[in-house]
C-alpha atoms as a PDB file:
ATOM      1  CA  UNK A   1      94.630  81.827-184.767  1.00  0.00           C
ATOM      2  CA  UNK A   2      93.744  81.534-180.530  1.00  0.00           C
ATOM      3  CA  UNK A   3      96.228  79.250-178.679  1.00  0.00           C
ATOM      4  CA  UNK A   4      94.360  75.338-178.501  1.00  0.00           C
ATOM      5  CA  UNK A   5      93.802  74.655-174.909  1.00  0.00           C
ATOM      6  CA  UNK A   6      94.402  71.089-175.024  1.00  0.00           C
ATOM      7  CA  UNK A   7      97.911  69.920-175.051  1.00  0.00           C
ATOM      8  CA  UNK A   8      98.730  66.396-177.248  1.00  0.00           C
ATOM      9  CA  UNK A   9     100.685  64.237-174.789  1.00  0.00           C
ATOM     10  CA  UNK A  10     102.264  60.760-176.824  1.00  0.00           C
ATOM     11  CA  UNK A  11      99.937  57.597-176.174  1.00  0.00           C
ATOM     12  CA  UNK A  12      97.004  59.252-175.736  1.00  0.00           C
ATOM     13  CA  UNK A  13      94.429  59.359-178.134  1.00  0.00           C
ATOM     14  CA  UNK A  14      92.328  61.910-179.933  1.00  0.00           C
ATOM     15  CA  UNK A  15      89.353  62.711-182.764  1.00  0.00           C
ATOM     16  CA  UNK A  16      90.430  65.381-185.027  1.00  0.00           C
ATOM     17  CA  UNK A  17      88.048  66.654-186.951  1.00  0.00           C
ATOM     18  CA  UNK A  18      86.982  69.638-189.404  1.00  0.00           C
ATOM     19  CA  UNK A  19      84.871  70.347-191.945  1.00  0.00           C
ATOM     20  CA  UNK A  20      84.159  73.005-195.158  1.00  0.00           C
ATOM     21  CA  UNK A  21      84.281  76.681-194.302  1.00  0.00           C
ATOM     22  CA  UNK A  22      81.064  77.517-194.673  1.00  0.00           C
ATOM     23  CA  UNK A  23      80.022  73.760-194.488  1.00  0.00           C
ATOM     24  CA  UNK A  24      81.305  73.576-198.395  1.00  0.00           C
ATOM     25  CA  UNK A  25      82.523  71.001-199.968  1.00  0.00           C
ATOM     26  CA  UNK A  26      86.509  69.663-199.590  1.00  0.00           C
ATOM     27  CA  UNK A  27      86.372  67.276-201.475  1.00  0.00           C
ATOM     28  CA  UNK A  28      85.598  67.255-204.872  1.00  0.00           C
ATOM     29  CA  UNK A  29      86.357  64.329-206.693  1.00  0.00           C
ATOM     30  CA  UNK A  30      87.955  60.593-205.620  1.00  0.00           C
ATOM     31  CA  UNK A  31      91.568  62.007-206.576  1.00  0.00           C
ATOM     32  CA  UNK A  32      91.233  64.480-203.912  1.00  0.00           C
ATOM     33  CA  UNK A  33      90.016  61.985-201.091  1.00  0.00           C
ATOM     34  CA  UNK A  34      93.151  60.047-202.461  1.00  0.00           C
ATOM     35  CA  UNK A  35      95.616  62.634-202.167  1.00  0.00           C
ATOM     36  CA  UNK A  36      94.438  63.897-198.887  1.00  0.00           C
ATOM     37  CA  UNK A  37      95.381  60.594-197.592  1.00  0.00           C
ATOM     38  CA  UNK A  38      98.669  60.695-199.295  1.00  0.00           C
ATOM     39  CA  UNK A  39      99.334  63.911-197.352  1.00  0.00           C
ATOM     40  CA  UNK A  40      98.113  62.038-194.053  1.00  0.00           C
ATOM     41  CA  UNK A  41     100.869  59.657-194.856  1.00  0.00           C
ATOM     42  CA  UNK A  42     102.985  62.622-195.580  1.00  0.00           C
ATOM     43  CA  UNK A  43     102.403  64.851-192.705  1.00  0.00           C
ATOM     44  CA  UNK A  44     101.503  63.057-190.052  1.00  0.00           C
ATOM     45  CA  UNK A  45     102.007  59.112-189.690  1.00  0.00           C
ATOM     46  CA  UNK A  46     105.848  59.535-190.688  1.00  0.00           C
ATOM     47  CA  UNK A  47     106.572  61.212-187.619  1.00  0.00           C
ATOM     48  CA  UNK A  48     103.848  62.602-185.565  1.00  0.00           C
ATOM     49  CA  UNK A  49     101.043  59.969-184.855  1.00  0.00           C
ATOM     50  CA  UNK A  50      99.084  56.547-185.736  1.00  0.00           C
ATOM     51  CA  UNK A  51      96.148  56.471-187.625  1.00  0.00           C
ATOM     52  CA  UNK A  52      93.525  54.223-186.087  1.00  0.00           C
ATOM     53  CA  UNK A  53      90.326  54.592-187.885  1.00  0.00           C
ATOM     54  CA  UNK A  54      89.556  57.833-189.841  1.00  0.00           C
ATOM     55  CA  UNK A  55      86.645  58.369-192.612  1.00  0.00           C
ATOM     56  CA  UNK A  56      86.594  61.333-195.394  1.00  0.00           C
ATOM     57  CA  UNK A  57      83.003  62.468-195.814  1.00  0.00           C
ATOM     58  CA  UNK A  58      82.431  65.128-198.883  1.00  0.00           C
ATOM     59  CA  UNK A  59      82.384  68.201-196.559  1.00  0.00           C
ATOM     60  CA  UNK A  60      84.705  66.843-193.085  1.00  0.00           C
ATOM     61  CA  UNK A  61      87.066  64.417-191.886  1.00  0.00           C
ATOM     62  CA  UNK A  62      87.379  62.685-188.683  1.00  0.00           C
ATOM     63  CA  UNK A  63      90.546  61.132-187.212  1.00  0.00           C
ATOM     64  CA  UNK A  64      90.973  58.246-184.732  1.00  0.00           C
ATOM     65  CA  UNK A  65      94.761  59.499-183.725  1.00  0.00           C
ATOM     66  CA  UNK A  66      97.259  57.957-180.979  1.00  0.00           C
ATOM     67  CA  UNK A  67      99.819  60.779-180.643  1.00  0.00           C
ATOM     68  CA  UNK A  68     103.661  59.772-180.930  1.00  0.00           C
ATOM     69  CA  UNK A  69     104.821  63.419-180.046  1.00  0.00           C
ATOM     70  CA  UNK A  70     102.811  66.316-179.108  1.00  0.00           C
ATOM     71  CA  UNK A  71     103.967  68.333-182.430  1.00  0.00           C
ATOM     72  CA  UNK A  72     100.028  67.246-183.323  1.00  0.00           C
ATOM     73  CA  UNK A  73      99.172  70.664-184.062  1.00  0.00           C
ATOM     74  CA  UNK A  74     101.817  71.878-186.771  1.00  0.00           C
ATOM     75  CA  UNK A  75     101.753  68.467-188.749  1.00  0.00           C
ATOM     76  CA  UNK A  76      98.056  68.891-188.645  1.00  0.00           C
ATOM     77  CA  UNK A  77      98.643  72.443-189.823  1.00  0.00           C
ATOM     78  CA  UNK A  78     101.526  71.196-192.625  1.00  0.00           C
ATOM     79  CA  UNK A  79      98.893  69.111-193.941  1.00  0.00           C
ATOM     80  CA  UNK A  80      95.268  71.589-193.863  1.00  0.00           C
ATOM     81  CA  UNK A  81      97.817  74.593-195.790  1.00  0.00           C
ATOM     82  CA  UNK A  82      99.571  71.665-198.478  1.00  0.00           C
ATOM     83  CA  UNK A  83      95.814  70.217-198.859  1.00  0.00           C
ATOM     84  CA  UNK A  84      94.316  73.833-199.313  1.00  0.00           C
ATOM     85  CA  UNK A  85      97.171  74.949-201.607  1.00  0.00           C
ATOM     86  CA  UNK A  86      96.536  71.650-204.207  1.00  0.00           C
ATOM     87  CA  UNK A  87      92.667  72.321-204.385  1.00  0.00           C
ATOM     88  CA  UNK A  88      93.254  75.872-204.754  1.00  0.00           C
ATOM     89  CA  UNK A  89      95.278  75.060-207.768  1.00  0.00           C
ATOM     90  CA  UNK A  90      93.453  72.274-209.114  1.00  0.00           C
ATOM     91  CA  UNK A  91      89.953  74.315-209.321  1.00  0.00           C
ATOM     92  CA  UNK A  92      91.508  78.177-209.497  1.00  0.00           C
ATOM     93  CA  UNK A  93      90.137  79.216-205.810  1.00  0.00           C
ATOM     94  CA  UNK A  94      91.611  81.149-203.655  1.00  0.00           C
ATOM     95  CA  UNK A  95      91.125  81.894-199.755  1.00  0.00           C
ATOM     96  CA  UNK A  96      90.567  79.334-197.268  1.00  0.00           C
ATOM     97  CA  UNK A  97      89.196  75.631-197.357  1.00  0.00           C
ATOM     98  CA  UNK A  98      88.419  74.411-193.917  1.00  0.00           C
ATOM     99  CA  UNK A  99      86.369  76.397-191.450  1.00  0.00           C
ATOM    100  CA  UNK A 100      89.509  77.376-188.726  1.00  0.00           C
ATOM    101  CA  UNK A 101      91.776  75.541-187.045  1.00  0.00           C
ATOM    102  CA  UNK A 102      90.942  71.517-186.683  1.00  0.00           C
ATOM    103  CA  UNK A 103      89.149  70.278-183.534  1.00  0.00           C
ATOM    104  CA  UNK A 104      90.703  67.943-181.027  1.00  0.00           C
ATOM    105  CA  UNK A 105      89.265  65.638-178.485  1.00  0.00           C
ATOM    106  CA  UNK A 106      90.608  63.723-176.160  1.00  0.00           C
ATOM    107  CA  UNK A 107      89.369  60.194-175.848  1.00  0.00           C
ATOM    108  CA  UNK A 108      90.085  59.546-172.533  1.00  0.00           C
ATOM    109  CA  UNK A 109      88.034  55.722-172.088  1.00  0.00           C
ATOM    110  CA  UNK A 110      87.982  52.234-173.988  1.00  0.00           C
ATOM    111  CA  UNK A 111      84.143  52.685-174.091  1.00  0.00           C
ATOM    112  CA  UNK A 112      84.744  56.043-176.100  1.00  0.00           C
ATOM    113  CA  UNK A 113      87.777  55.085-178.353  1.00  0.00           C
ATOM    114  CA  UNK A 114      85.219  51.796-179.392  1.00  0.00           C
ATOM    115  CA  UNK A 115      82.073  53.840-180.086  1.00  0.00           C
ATOM    116  CA  UNK A 116      83.894  56.832-181.326  1.00  0.00           C
ATOM    117  CA  UNK A 117      85.422  54.341-183.850  1.00  0.00           C
ATOM    118  CA  UNK A 118      81.742  52.935-184.631  1.00  0.00           C
ATOM    119  CA  UNK A 119      80.312  56.605-184.820  1.00  0.00           C
ATOM    120  CA  UNK A 120      82.874  57.346-187.360  1.00  0.00           C
ATOM    121  CA  UNK A 121      82.946  54.435-189.518  1.00  0.00           C
ATOM    122  CA  UNK A 122      78.834  54.727-189.508  1.00  0.00           C
ATOM    123  CA  UNK A 123      79.023  58.109-190.537  1.00  0.00           C
ATOM    124  CA  UNK A 124      78.286  57.667-194.298  1.00  0.00           C
ATOM    125  CA  UNK A 125      75.760  55.747-193.903  1.00  0.00           C
ATOM    126  CA  UNK A 126      74.092  57.942-191.368  1.00  0.00           C
ATOM    127  CA  UNK A 127      74.809  60.880-193.635  1.00  0.00           C
ATOM    128  CA  UNK A 128      72.606  58.849-196.227  1.00  0.00           C
ATOM    129  CA  UNK A 129      75.732  58.371-198.757  1.00  0.00           C
ATOM    130  CA  UNK A 130      75.596  54.724-198.884  1.00  0.00           C
ATOM    131  CA  UNK A 131      73.404  51.662-197.364  1.00  0.00           C
ATOM    132  CA  UNK A 132      76.680  50.096-195.547  1.00  0.00           C
ATOM    133  CA  UNK A 133      79.460  51.593-194.201  1.00  0.00           C
ATOM    134  CA  UNK A 134      81.238  48.919-196.761  1.00  0.00           C
ATOM    135  CA  UNK A 135      80.290  50.690-199.643  1.00  0.00           C
ATOM    136  CA  UNK A 136      81.952  53.913-198.434  1.00  0.00           C
ATOM    137  CA  UNK A 137      85.560  54.054-200.096  1.00  0.00           C
ATOM    138  CA  UNK A 138      87.148  56.645-197.869  1.00  0.00           C
ATOM    139  CA  UNK A 139      87.014  54.759-194.709  1.00  0.00           C
ATOM    140  CA  UNK A 140      88.722  52.291-192.514  1.00  0.00           C
ATOM    141  CA  UNK A 141      85.578  50.684-192.160  1.00  0.00           C
ATOM    142  CA  UNK A 142      86.598  48.289-195.114  1.00  0.00           C
ATOM    143  CA  UNK A 143      90.274  47.231-193.371  1.00  0.00           C
ATOM    144  CA  UNK A 144      88.846  46.402-189.847  1.00  0.00           C
ATOM    145  CA  UNK A 145      86.098  44.527-191.479  1.00  0.00           C
ATOM    146  CA  UNK A 146      88.348  42.370-193.176  1.00  0.00           C
ATOM    147  CA  UNK A 147      87.603  43.529-197.078  1.00  0.00           C
ATOM    148  CA  UNK A 148      90.729  45.542-197.611  1.00  0.00           C
ATOM    149  CA  UNK A 149      94.080  45.320-196.676  1.00  0.00           C
ATOM    150  CA  UNK A 150      95.421  48.931-196.959  1.00  0.00           C
ATOM    151  CA  UNK A 151      97.990  49.676-194.823  1.00  0.00           C
ATOM    152  CA  UNK A 152      97.161  53.523-193.740  1.00  0.00           C
ATOM    153  CA  UNK A 153      94.941  52.719-190.310  1.00  0.00           C
ATOM    154  CA  UNK A 154      97.088  50.715-187.482  1.00  0.00           C
ATOM    155  CA  UNK A 155      94.480  48.317-186.382  1.00  0.00           C
ATOM    156  CA  UNK A 156      96.030  46.451-183.830  1.00  0.00           C
ATOM    157  CA  UNK A 157      94.775  48.556-181.039  1.00  0.00           C
ATOM    158  CA  UNK A 158      91.628  48.298-181.503  1.00  0.00           C
ATOM    159  CA  UNK A 159      91.570  44.359-183.287  1.00  0.00           C
ATOM    160  CA  UNK A 160      93.056  43.637-179.527  1.00  0.00           C
ATOM    161  CA  UNK A 161      89.810  44.102-178.197  1.00  0.00           C
ATOM    162  CA  UNK A 162      87.680  42.400-180.919  1.00  0.00           C
ATOM    163  CA  UNK A 163      87.066  38.654-181.470  1.00  0.00           C
ATOM    164  CA  UNK A 164      87.014  38.908-185.122  1.00  0.00           C
ATOM    165  CA  UNK A 165      86.331  41.184-188.233  1.00  0.00           C
ATOM    166  CA  UNK A 166      82.542  39.330-188.766  1.00  0.00           C
ATOM    167  CA  UNK A 167      82.193  40.556-184.653  1.00  0.00           C
ATOM    168  CA  UNK A 168      82.926  44.187-185.574  1.00  0.00           C
ATOM    169  CA  UNK A 169      80.841  44.240-188.564  1.00  0.00           C
ATOM    170  CA  UNK A 170      78.195  43.077-185.971  1.00  0.00           C
ATOM    171  CA  UNK A 171      79.241  45.741-183.535  1.00  0.00           C
ATOM    172  CA  UNK A 172      78.652  48.858-186.602  1.00  0.00           C
ATOM    173  CA  UNK A 173      75.099  46.993-187.257  1.00  0.00           C
ATOM    174  CA  UNK A 174      73.536  47.773-184.023  1.00  0.00           C
ATOM    175  CA  UNK A 175      70.851  49.818-183.915  1.00  0.00           C
ATOM    176  CA  UNK A 176      71.533  53.305-181.522  1.00  0.00           C
ATOM    177  CA  UNK A 177      67.790  52.287-180.489  1.00  0.00           C
ATOM    178  CA  UNK A 178      68.975  48.959-178.847  1.00  0.00           C
ATOM    179  CA  UNK A 179      72.566  49.850-176.942  1.00  0.00           C
ATOM    180  CA  UNK A 180      72.597  49.815-173.574  1.00  0.00           C
ATOM    181  CA  UNK A 181      71.697  53.051-171.239  1.00  0.00           C
ATOM    182  CA  UNK A 182      75.600  54.017-170.730  1.00  0.00           C
ATOM    183  CA  UNK A 183      76.356  53.800-174.405  1.00  0.00           C
ATOM    184  CA  UNK A 184      73.129  55.175-175.444  1.00  0.00           C
ATOM    185  CA  UNK A 185      74.672  58.554-173.296  1.00  0.00           C
ATOM    186  CA  UNK A 186      77.970  58.261-174.859  1.00  0.00           C
ATOM    187  CA  UNK A 187      76.483  57.895-178.382  1.00  0.00           C
ATOM    188  CA  UNK A 188      74.708  61.269-177.218  1.00  0.00           C
ATOM    189  CA  UNK A 189      77.341  63.080-176.093  1.00  0.00           C
ATOM    190  CA  UNK A 190      79.636  62.226-179.204  1.00  0.00           C
ATOM    191  CA  UNK A 191      76.883  63.473-181.654  1.00  0.00           C
ATOM    192  CA  UNK A 192      77.178  66.905-179.806  1.00  0.00           C
ATOM    193  CA  UNK A 193      80.854  66.999-180.148  1.00  0.00           C
ATOM    194  CA  UNK A 194      80.197  66.417-183.759  1.00  0.00           C
ATOM    195  CA  UNK A 195      80.433  69.199-186.789  1.00  0.00           C
ATOM    196  CA  UNK A 196      78.408  67.206-189.085  1.00  0.00           C
ATOM    197  CA  UNK A 197      74.789  66.776-187.492  1.00  0.00           C
END
C-alpha cells in the first residue's frame, strides 16, 4: 500500500472516508451498521481520536474527527480489517470489502468544519435514501438535532458555534442554491473530494 502523504497531528480535524470495493455495499443489514459503530468506539475512540460527526451509507462512510494521537492510520487499518473479517465470516465471502486505503483530508478552517458536518448529515437525503436527515438512523445528525442522546459523537466542538439544536436543523435546511457565494464554492469543493458523487 502506498504511504499516505498526509501526516495526522493531534488537535487537528480530518475528514476520513472510504467506499466499498467496486462501489459495492459495505453494509448489508442493520446489525452491520451497529457493528461498525461498536468497532469505531473500540478501535478509534478509546485511544486515537474523537468523532465529531459521522454518516454510514450503504456503500461508504464519512467520519469527521479530531485527532488525539498520530496513530490514525494504524487504528483505521485495525477497524477495516476487523469489520471486513466479520462481514466475510457472516456472509461467507472472501476478499477486500473496501476500495483500498481510507481517504483523509485535513479540515483547515472553521467554515470547512461546519459545512463538512452539513454535507455529512445531508448525505442520505442527497442520495435519495430519506427525505429528511432525521430519518437516517446511522448518522450523528440525530444527536446534533437533539433527537437522540447517543455518546459516540463529541458534540461540544461544533455546539459551541450553534445557538441551539433548532438552529442546526435550520442550517441543514438551507437549499444549496441559496448559500452565499463563498459557501457555494466550498460546497462545490466538498463534492469534488467525495467518493459518492
